[in-house]
Full PDB file with SEQRES, HELIX, SHEET, SSBOND, CRYST1, ORIGX, SCALE, CONECT and MASTER records, all heavy atoms in Angstrom:
SEQRES   1 A   30  ILE ALA ALA THR SER GLY ALA SER TRP GLY MET TYR ALA          
SEQRES   2 A   30  GLY PHE GLU LEU TYR GLU SER VAL ALA ARG PRO GLY ALA          
SEQRES   3 A   30  GLU GLU ASN ILE                                              
HELIX    1 AA1 ALA A    2  SER A    5  1                                   4    
HELIX    2 AA2 PHE A   15  LEU A   17  5                                   3    
CRYST1    1.000    1.000    1.000  90.00  90.00  90.00 P 1           1          
ORIGX1      1.000000  0.000000  0.000000        0.00000                         
ORIGX2      0.000000  1.000000  0.000000        0.00000                         
ORIGX3      0.000000  0.000000  1.000000        0.00000                         
SCALE1      1.000000  0.000000  0.000000        0.00000                         
SCALE2      0.000000  1.000000  0.000000        0.00000                         
SCALE3      0.000000  0.000000  1.000000        0.00000                         
ATOM      1  N   ILE A   1       0.377  -9.609  -7.560  1.00  0.00           N  
ATOM      2  CA  ILE A   1       0.439 -10.759  -6.704  1.00  0.00           C  
ATOM      3  C   ILE A   1      -0.731 -10.935  -5.812  1.00  0.00           C  
ATOM      4  O   ILE A   1      -1.339 -11.978  -5.527  1.00  0.00           O  
ATOM      5  CB  ILE A   1       1.737 -10.820  -5.941  1.00  0.00           C  
ATOM      6  CG1 ILE A   1       2.906 -10.914  -7.007  1.00  0.00           C  
ATOM      7  CG2 ILE A   1       1.843 -12.055  -5.044  1.00  0.00           C  
ATOM      8  CD1 ILE A   1       4.382 -10.849  -6.385  1.00  0.00           C  
ATOM      9  N   ALA A   2      -1.139  -9.749  -5.203  1.00  0.00           N  
ATOM     10  CA  ALA A   2      -2.212  -9.770  -4.159  1.00  0.00           C  
ATOM     11  C   ALA A   2      -3.415 -10.232  -4.918  1.00  0.00           C  
ATOM     12  O   ALA A   2      -4.256 -11.013  -4.380  1.00  0.00           O  
ATOM     13  CB  ALA A   2      -2.377  -8.399  -3.510  1.00  0.00           C  
ATOM     14  N   ALA A   3      -3.747  -9.667  -6.016  1.00  0.00           N  
ATOM     15  CA  ALA A   3      -5.012  -9.836  -6.689  1.00  0.00           C  
ATOM     16  C   ALA A   3      -5.203 -11.250  -7.330  1.00  0.00           C  
ATOM     17  O   ALA A   3      -6.345 -11.678  -7.543  1.00  0.00           O  
ATOM     18  CB  ALA A   3      -5.149  -8.692  -7.840  1.00  0.00           C  
ATOM     19  N   THR A   4      -4.059 -11.886  -7.641  1.00  0.00           N  
ATOM     20  CA  THR A   4      -4.069 -13.140  -8.400  1.00  0.00           C  
ATOM     21  C   THR A   4      -3.751 -14.324  -7.498  1.00  0.00           C  
ATOM     22  O   THR A   4      -4.173 -15.426  -7.813  1.00  0.00           O  
ATOM     23  CB  THR A   4      -3.217 -13.145  -9.534  1.00  0.00           C  
ATOM     24  OG1 THR A   4      -1.828 -12.856  -9.221  1.00  0.00           O  
ATOM     25  CG2 THR A   4      -3.672 -12.142 -10.563  1.00  0.00           C  
ATOM     26  N   SER A   5      -3.158 -14.108  -6.330  1.00  0.00           N  
ATOM     27  CA  SER A   5      -2.708 -15.284  -5.635  1.00  0.00           C  
ATOM     28  C   SER A   5      -3.771 -15.412  -4.406  1.00  0.00           C  
ATOM     29  O   SER A   5      -3.967 -16.660  -3.939  1.00  0.00           O  
ATOM     30  CB  SER A   5      -1.340 -15.088  -4.938  1.00  0.00           C  
ATOM     31  OG  SER A   5      -1.289 -13.986  -4.003  1.00  0.00           O  
ATOM     32  N   GLY A   6      -4.425 -14.393  -3.867  1.00  0.00           N  
ATOM     33  CA  GLY A   6      -5.366 -14.530  -2.918  1.00  0.00           C  
ATOM     34  C   GLY A   6      -6.712 -14.650  -3.282  1.00  0.00           C  
ATOM     35  O   GLY A   6      -7.167 -13.843  -4.447  1.00  0.00           O  
ATOM     36  N   ALA A   7      -7.713 -15.223  -2.673  1.00  0.00           N  
ATOM     37  CA  ALA A   7      -9.069 -15.155  -3.094  1.00  0.00           C  
ATOM     38  C   ALA A   7      -9.657 -13.693  -2.706  1.00  0.00           C  
ATOM     39  O   ALA A   7     -10.621 -13.363  -3.312  1.00  0.00           O  
ATOM     40  CB  ALA A   7      -9.798 -16.180  -2.399  1.00  0.00           C  
ATOM     41  N   SER A   8      -9.016 -13.170  -1.719  1.00  0.00           N  
ATOM     42  CA  SER A   8      -9.476 -11.731  -1.257  1.00  0.00           C  
ATOM     43  C   SER A   8      -8.219 -10.921  -1.207  1.00  0.00           C  
ATOM     44  O   SER A   8      -7.089 -11.275  -0.830  1.00  0.00           O  
ATOM     45  CB  SER A   8     -10.159 -11.810   0.054  1.00  0.00           C  
ATOM     46  OG  SER A   8     -11.377 -12.411   0.111  1.00  0.00           O  
ATOM     47  N   TRP A   9      -8.431  -9.663  -1.699  1.00  0.00           N  
ATOM     48  CA  TRP A   9      -7.246  -8.792  -1.579  1.00  0.00           C  
ATOM     49  C   TRP A   9      -7.860  -7.386  -1.310  1.00  0.00           C  
ATOM     50  O   TRP A   9      -9.009  -7.128  -1.550  1.00  0.00           O  
ATOM     51  CB  TRP A   9      -6.411  -8.727  -2.915  1.00  0.00           C  
ATOM     52  CG  TRP A   9      -7.027  -7.901  -4.045  1.00  0.00           C  
ATOM     53  CD1 TRP A   9      -8.086  -8.180  -4.681  1.00  0.00           C  
ATOM     54  CD2 TRP A   9      -6.337  -6.747  -4.587  1.00  0.00           C  
ATOM     55  NE1 TRP A   9      -8.194  -7.156  -5.680  1.00  0.00           N  
ATOM     56  CE2 TRP A   9      -7.168  -6.406  -5.714  1.00  0.00           C  
ATOM     57  CE3 TRP A   9      -5.107  -6.059  -4.320  1.00  0.00           C  
ATOM     58  CZ2 TRP A   9      -6.749  -5.124  -6.512  1.00  0.00           C  
ATOM     59  CZ3 TRP A   9      -4.817  -4.941  -5.114  1.00  0.00           C  
ATOM     60  CH2 TRP A   9      -5.709  -4.550  -6.235  1.00  0.00           C  
ATOM     61  N   GLY A  10      -6.967  -6.428  -0.776  1.00  0.00           N  
ATOM     62  CA  GLY A  10      -7.410  -5.184  -0.400  1.00  0.00           C  
ATOM     63  C   GLY A  10      -6.341  -3.982  -0.647  1.00  0.00           C  
ATOM     64  O   GLY A  10      -5.233  -4.323  -0.730  1.00  0.00           O  
ATOM     65  N   MET A  11      -6.910  -2.777  -0.817  1.00  0.00           N  
ATOM     66  CA  MET A  11      -6.035  -1.721  -1.002  1.00  0.00           C  
ATOM     67  C   MET A  11      -6.641  -0.357  -0.437  1.00  0.00           C  
ATOM     68  O   MET A  11      -7.829  -0.187  -0.420  1.00  0.00           O  
ATOM     69  CB  MET A  11      -5.997  -1.489  -2.634  1.00  0.00           C  
ATOM     70  CG  MET A  11      -4.968  -0.461  -3.158  1.00  0.00           C  
ATOM     71  SD  MET A  11      -5.189  -0.322  -4.965  1.00  0.00           S  
ATOM     72  CE  MET A  11      -6.390   0.958  -5.012  1.00  0.00           C  
ATOM     73  N   TYR A  12      -5.743   0.276   0.186  1.00  0.00           N  
ATOM     74  CA  TYR A  12      -6.000   1.564   0.877  1.00  0.00           C  
ATOM     75  C   TYR A  12      -5.706   2.755  -0.098  1.00  0.00           C  
ATOM     76  O   TYR A  12      -4.726   2.850  -0.867  1.00  0.00           O  
ATOM     77  CB  TYR A  12      -5.282   1.728   2.089  1.00  0.00           C  
ATOM     78  CG  TYR A  12      -5.117   3.122   2.664  1.00  0.00           C  
ATOM     79  CD1 TYR A  12      -6.111   4.044   2.902  1.00  0.00           C  
ATOM     80  CD2 TYR A  12      -3.699   3.708   2.925  1.00  0.00           C  
ATOM     81  CE1 TYR A  12      -5.986   5.341   3.363  1.00  0.00           C  
ATOM     82  CE2 TYR A  12      -3.542   4.840   3.334  1.00  0.00           C  
ATOM     83  CZ  TYR A  12      -4.622   5.665   3.668  1.00  0.00           C  
ATOM     84  OH  TYR A  12      -4.473   6.950   4.007  1.00  0.00           O  
ATOM     85  N   ALA A  13      -6.663   3.737  -0.181  1.00  0.00           N  
ATOM     86  CA  ALA A  13      -6.548   4.871  -1.067  1.00  0.00           C  
ATOM     87  C   ALA A  13      -5.279   5.469  -1.015  1.00  0.00           C  
ATOM     88  O   ALA A  13      -4.612   5.717   0.058  1.00  0.00           O  
ATOM     89  CB  ALA A  13      -7.624   5.835  -0.745  1.00  0.00           C  
ATOM     90  N   GLY A  14      -4.729   5.857  -2.148  1.00  0.00           N  
ATOM     91  CA  GLY A  14      -3.369   6.385  -2.258  1.00  0.00           C  
ATOM     92  C   GLY A  14      -2.361   5.527  -2.882  1.00  0.00           C  
ATOM     93  O   GLY A  14      -1.414   5.905  -3.508  1.00  0.00           O  
ATOM     94  N   PHE A  15      -2.584   4.185  -2.744  1.00  0.00           N  
ATOM     95  CA  PHE A  15      -1.767   3.181  -3.400  1.00  0.00           C  
ATOM     96  C   PHE A  15      -1.794   3.416  -4.873  1.00  0.00           C  
ATOM     97  O   PHE A  15      -0.742   3.364  -5.530  1.00  0.00           O  
ATOM     98  CB  PHE A  15      -2.201   1.738  -3.053  1.00  0.00           C  
ATOM     99  CG  PHE A  15      -1.486   0.683  -3.592  1.00  0.00           C  
ATOM    100  CD1 PHE A  15      -0.435   0.286  -2.684  1.00  0.00           C  
ATOM    101  CD2 PHE A  15      -1.573   0.260  -4.734  1.00  0.00           C  
ATOM    102  CE1 PHE A  15       0.466  -0.814  -3.180  1.00  0.00           C  
ATOM    103  CE2 PHE A  15      -0.734  -0.917  -5.220  1.00  0.00           C  
ATOM    104  CZ  PHE A  15       0.181  -1.345  -4.465  1.00  0.00           C  
ATOM    105  N   GLU A  16      -3.014   3.617  -5.430  1.00  0.00           N  
ATOM    106  CA  GLU A  16      -3.067   3.763  -6.910  1.00  0.00           C  
ATOM    107  C   GLU A  16      -2.283   5.070  -7.374  1.00  0.00           C  
ATOM    108  O   GLU A  16      -2.175   5.255  -8.577  1.00  0.00           O  
ATOM    109  CB  GLU A  16      -4.490   3.780  -7.325  1.00  0.00           C  
ATOM    110  CG  GLU A  16      -5.413   4.922  -6.874  1.00  0.00           C  
ATOM    111  CD  GLU A  16      -6.072   4.573  -5.513  1.00  0.00           C  
ATOM    112  OE1 GLU A  16      -5.320   4.147  -4.526  1.00  0.00           O  
ATOM    113  OE2 GLU A  16      -7.237   4.824  -5.394  1.00  0.00           O  
ATOM    114  N   LEU A  17      -2.019   6.056  -6.451  1.00  0.00           N  
ATOM    115  CA  LEU A  17      -1.310   7.290  -6.811  1.00  0.00           C  
ATOM    116  C   LEU A  17       0.168   7.158  -6.572  1.00  0.00           C  
ATOM    117  O   LEU A  17       0.928   8.103  -6.517  1.00  0.00           O  
ATOM    118  CB  LEU A  17      -1.929   8.435  -6.029  1.00  0.00           C  
ATOM    119  CG  LEU A  17      -3.472   8.735  -6.306  1.00  0.00           C  
ATOM    120  CD1 LEU A  17      -3.838   9.960  -5.548  1.00  0.00           C  
ATOM    121  CD2 LEU A  17      -3.672   8.950  -7.827  1.00  0.00           C  
ATOM    122  N   TYR A  18       0.663   5.901  -6.180  1.00  0.00           N  
ATOM    123  CA  TYR A  18       1.974   5.624  -5.857  1.00  0.00           C  
ATOM    124  C   TYR A  18       2.544   6.405  -4.673  1.00  0.00           C  
ATOM    125  O   TYR A  18       3.733   6.772  -4.561  1.00  0.00           O  
ATOM    126  CB  TYR A  18       2.930   5.926  -7.005  1.00  0.00           C  
ATOM    127  CG  TYR A  18       2.552   5.143  -8.301  1.00  0.00           C  
ATOM    128  CD1 TYR A  18       2.066   5.794  -9.495  1.00  0.00           C  
ATOM    129  CD2 TYR A  18       2.765   3.805  -8.472  1.00  0.00           C  
ATOM    130  CE1 TYR A  18       1.682   5.149 -10.523  1.00  0.00           C  
ATOM    131  CE2 TYR A  18       2.460   3.140  -9.498  1.00  0.00           C  
ATOM    132  CZ  TYR A  18       1.949   3.718 -10.722  1.00  0.00           C  
ATOM    133  OH  TYR A  18       1.625   3.042 -11.814  1.00  0.00           O  
ATOM    134  N   GLU A  19       1.683   6.569  -3.658  1.00  0.00           N  
ATOM    135  CA  GLU A  19       2.127   7.356  -2.456  1.00  0.00           C  
ATOM    136  C   GLU A  19       3.132   6.483  -1.652  1.00  0.00           C  
ATOM    137  O   GLU A  19       2.874   5.412  -1.123  1.00  0.00           O  
ATOM    138  CB  GLU A  19       0.954   7.662  -1.449  1.00  0.00           C  
ATOM    139  CG  GLU A  19      -0.070   8.749  -2.220  1.00  0.00           C  
ATOM    140  CD  GLU A  19      -1.266   9.070  -1.292  1.00  0.00           C  
ATOM    141  OE1 GLU A  19      -1.345   8.442  -0.237  1.00  0.00           O  
ATOM    142  OE2 GLU A  19      -2.065   9.955  -1.780  1.00  0.00           O  
ATOM    143  N   SER A  20       4.327   6.977  -1.558  1.00  0.00           N  
ATOM    144  CA  SER A  20       5.456   6.145  -1.155  1.00  0.00           C  
ATOM    145  C   SER A  20       6.443   6.889  -0.026  1.00  0.00           C  
ATOM    146  O   SER A  20       7.402   6.187   0.324  1.00  0.00           O  
ATOM    147  CB  SER A  20       6.312   5.596  -2.320  1.00  0.00           C  
ATOM    148  OG  SER A  20       6.858   6.665  -3.009  1.00  0.00           O  
ATOM    149  N   VAL A  21       6.077   8.130   0.295  1.00  0.00           N  
ATOM    150  CA  VAL A  21       6.959   8.851   1.195  1.00  0.00           C  
ATOM    151  C   VAL A  21       6.470   8.469   2.595  1.00  0.00           C  
ATOM    152  O   VAL A  21       5.399   8.731   3.000  1.00  0.00           O  
ATOM    153  CB  VAL A  21       6.770  10.398   0.939  1.00  0.00           C  
ATOM    154  CG1 VAL A  21       7.760  11.049   1.912  1.00  0.00           C  
ATOM    155  CG2 VAL A  21       7.229  10.667  -0.535  1.00  0.00           C  
ATOM    156  N   ALA A  22       7.461   8.080   3.342  1.00  0.00           N  
ATOM    157  CA  ALA A  22       7.260   7.510   4.812  1.00  0.00           C  
ATOM    158  C   ALA A  22       7.613   8.553   5.762  1.00  0.00           C  
ATOM    159  O   ALA A  22       8.495   9.481   5.533  1.00  0.00           O  
ATOM    160  CB  ALA A  22       7.949   6.307   5.144  1.00  0.00           C  
ATOM    161  N   ARG A  23       6.937   8.483   6.940  1.00  0.00           N  
ATOM    162  CA  ARG A  23       7.431   9.256   8.084  1.00  0.00           C  
ATOM    163  C   ARG A  23       8.736   8.792   8.440  1.00  0.00           C  
ATOM    164  O   ARG A  23       8.927   7.575   8.588  1.00  0.00           O  
ATOM    165  CB  ARG A  23       6.337   9.233   9.146  1.00  0.00           C  
ATOM    166  CG  ARG A  23       6.819  10.012  10.421  1.00  0.00           C  
ATOM    167  CD  ARG A  23       5.504  10.056  11.294  1.00  0.00           C  
ATOM    168  NE  ARG A  23       5.018   8.846  11.699  1.00  0.00           N  
ATOM    169  CZ  ARG A  23       5.370   8.036  12.901  1.00  0.00           C  
ATOM    170  NH1 ARG A  23       6.451   8.490  13.559  1.00  0.00           N  
ATOM    171  NH2 ARG A  23       4.903   6.883  13.085  1.00  0.00           N  
ATOM    172  N   PRO A  24       9.825   9.606   8.647  1.00  0.00           N  
ATOM    173  CA  PRO A  24      11.156   9.188   8.994  1.00  0.00           C  
ATOM    174  C   PRO A  24      11.163   8.114  10.023  1.00  0.00           C  
ATOM    175  O   PRO A  24      10.532   8.261  11.233  1.00  0.00           O  
ATOM    176  CB  PRO A  24      11.846  10.472   9.465  1.00  0.00           C  
ATOM    177  CG  PRO A  24      11.070  11.535   8.655  1.00  0.00           C  
ATOM    178  CD  PRO A  24       9.661  11.126   8.660  1.00  0.00           C  
ATOM    179  N   GLY A  25      11.768   6.973   9.779  1.00  0.00           N  
ATOM    180  CA  GLY A  25      11.920   5.827  10.779  1.00  0.00           C  
ATOM    181  C   GLY A  25      10.667   5.077  10.874  1.00  0.00           C  
ATOM    182  O   GLY A  25      10.749   4.105  11.893  1.00  0.00           O  
ATOM    183  N   ALA A  26       9.680   5.187  10.038  1.00  0.00           N  
ATOM    184  CA  ALA A  26       8.460   4.415  10.286  1.00  0.00           C  
ATOM    185  C   ALA A  26       8.109   3.736   9.025  1.00  0.00           C  
ATOM    186  O   ALA A  26       8.548   4.156   7.889  1.00  0.00           O  
ATOM    187  CB  ALA A  26       7.323   5.357  10.724  1.00  0.00           C  
ATOM    188  N   GLU A  27       7.223   2.730   9.161  1.00  0.00           N  
ATOM    189  CA  GLU A  27       6.665   2.124   7.890  1.00  0.00           C  
ATOM    190  C   GLU A  27       5.283   2.484   7.769  1.00  0.00           C  
ATOM    191  O   GLU A  27       4.348   1.690   7.590  1.00  0.00           O  
ATOM    192  CB  GLU A  27       6.821   0.495   8.080  1.00  0.00           C  
ATOM    193  CG  GLU A  27       8.081   0.015   7.757  1.00  0.00           C  
ATOM    194  CD  GLU A  27       8.196  -1.463   7.452  1.00  0.00           C  
ATOM    195  OE1 GLU A  27       7.231  -2.180   8.015  1.00  0.00           O  
ATOM    196  OE2 GLU A  27       8.935  -1.870   6.706  1.00  0.00           O  
ATOM    197  N   GLU A  28       5.034   3.845   7.841  1.00  0.00           N  
ATOM    198  CA  GLU A  28       3.700   4.383   7.400  1.00  0.00           C  
ATOM    199  C   GLU A  28       3.961   5.728   6.723  1.00  0.00           C  
ATOM    200  O   GLU A  28       4.945   6.334   6.769  1.00  0.00           O  
ATOM    201  CB  GLU A  28       2.854   4.544   8.705  1.00  0.00           C  
ATOM    202  CG  GLU A  28       3.293   5.541   9.691  1.00  0.00           C  
ATOM    203  CD  GLU A  28       2.280   5.760  10.813  1.00  0.00           C  
ATOM    204  OE1 GLU A  28       1.803   4.751  11.379  1.00  0.00           O  
ATOM    205  OE2 GLU A  28       1.995   6.886  11.240  1.00  0.00           O  
ATOM    206  N   ASN A  29       2.904   6.184   5.907  1.00  0.00           N  
ATOM    207  CA  ASN A  29       2.955   7.401   5.265  1.00  0.00           C  
ATOM    208  C   ASN A  29       3.175   8.547   6.046  1.00  0.00           C  
ATOM    209  O   ASN A  29       2.708   8.800   7.157  1.00  0.00           O  
ATOM    210  CB  ASN A  29       1.601   7.540   4.328  1.00  0.00           C  
ATOM    211  CG  ASN A  29       1.534   6.560   3.294  1.00  0.00           C  
ATOM    212  OD1 ASN A  29       0.846   5.475   3.621  1.00  0.00           O  
ATOM    213  ND2 ASN A  29       1.909   6.959   2.180  1.00  0.00           N  
ATOM    214  N   ILE A  30       4.059   9.505   5.490  1.00  0.00           N  
ATOM    215  CA  ILE A  30       4.161  10.772   6.167  1.00  0.00           C  
ATOM    216  C   ILE A  30       2.810  11.519   5.975  1.00  0.00           C  
ATOM    217  O   ILE A  30       2.126  11.354   5.072  1.00  0.00           O  
ATOM    218  CB  ILE A  30       5.372  11.667   5.608  1.00  0.00           C  
ATOM    219  CG1 ILE A  30       5.706  12.799   6.527  1.00  0.00           C  
ATOM    220  CG2 ILE A  30       4.955  12.066   4.145  1.00  0.00           C  
ATOM    221  CD1 ILE A  30       7.064  13.320   6.082  1.00  0.00           C  
TER     222      ILE A  30                                                      
MASTER        0    0    0    2    0    0    0    6  221    1    0    3          
END                                                                             
């Protein structure tokens, strides 16, 4: 959706490795 709906899109390293474990109680990576 990001790549096809926006004229510009961005990605931070680790997304392509499916990094999905968060610090408990937070919306950021552990």
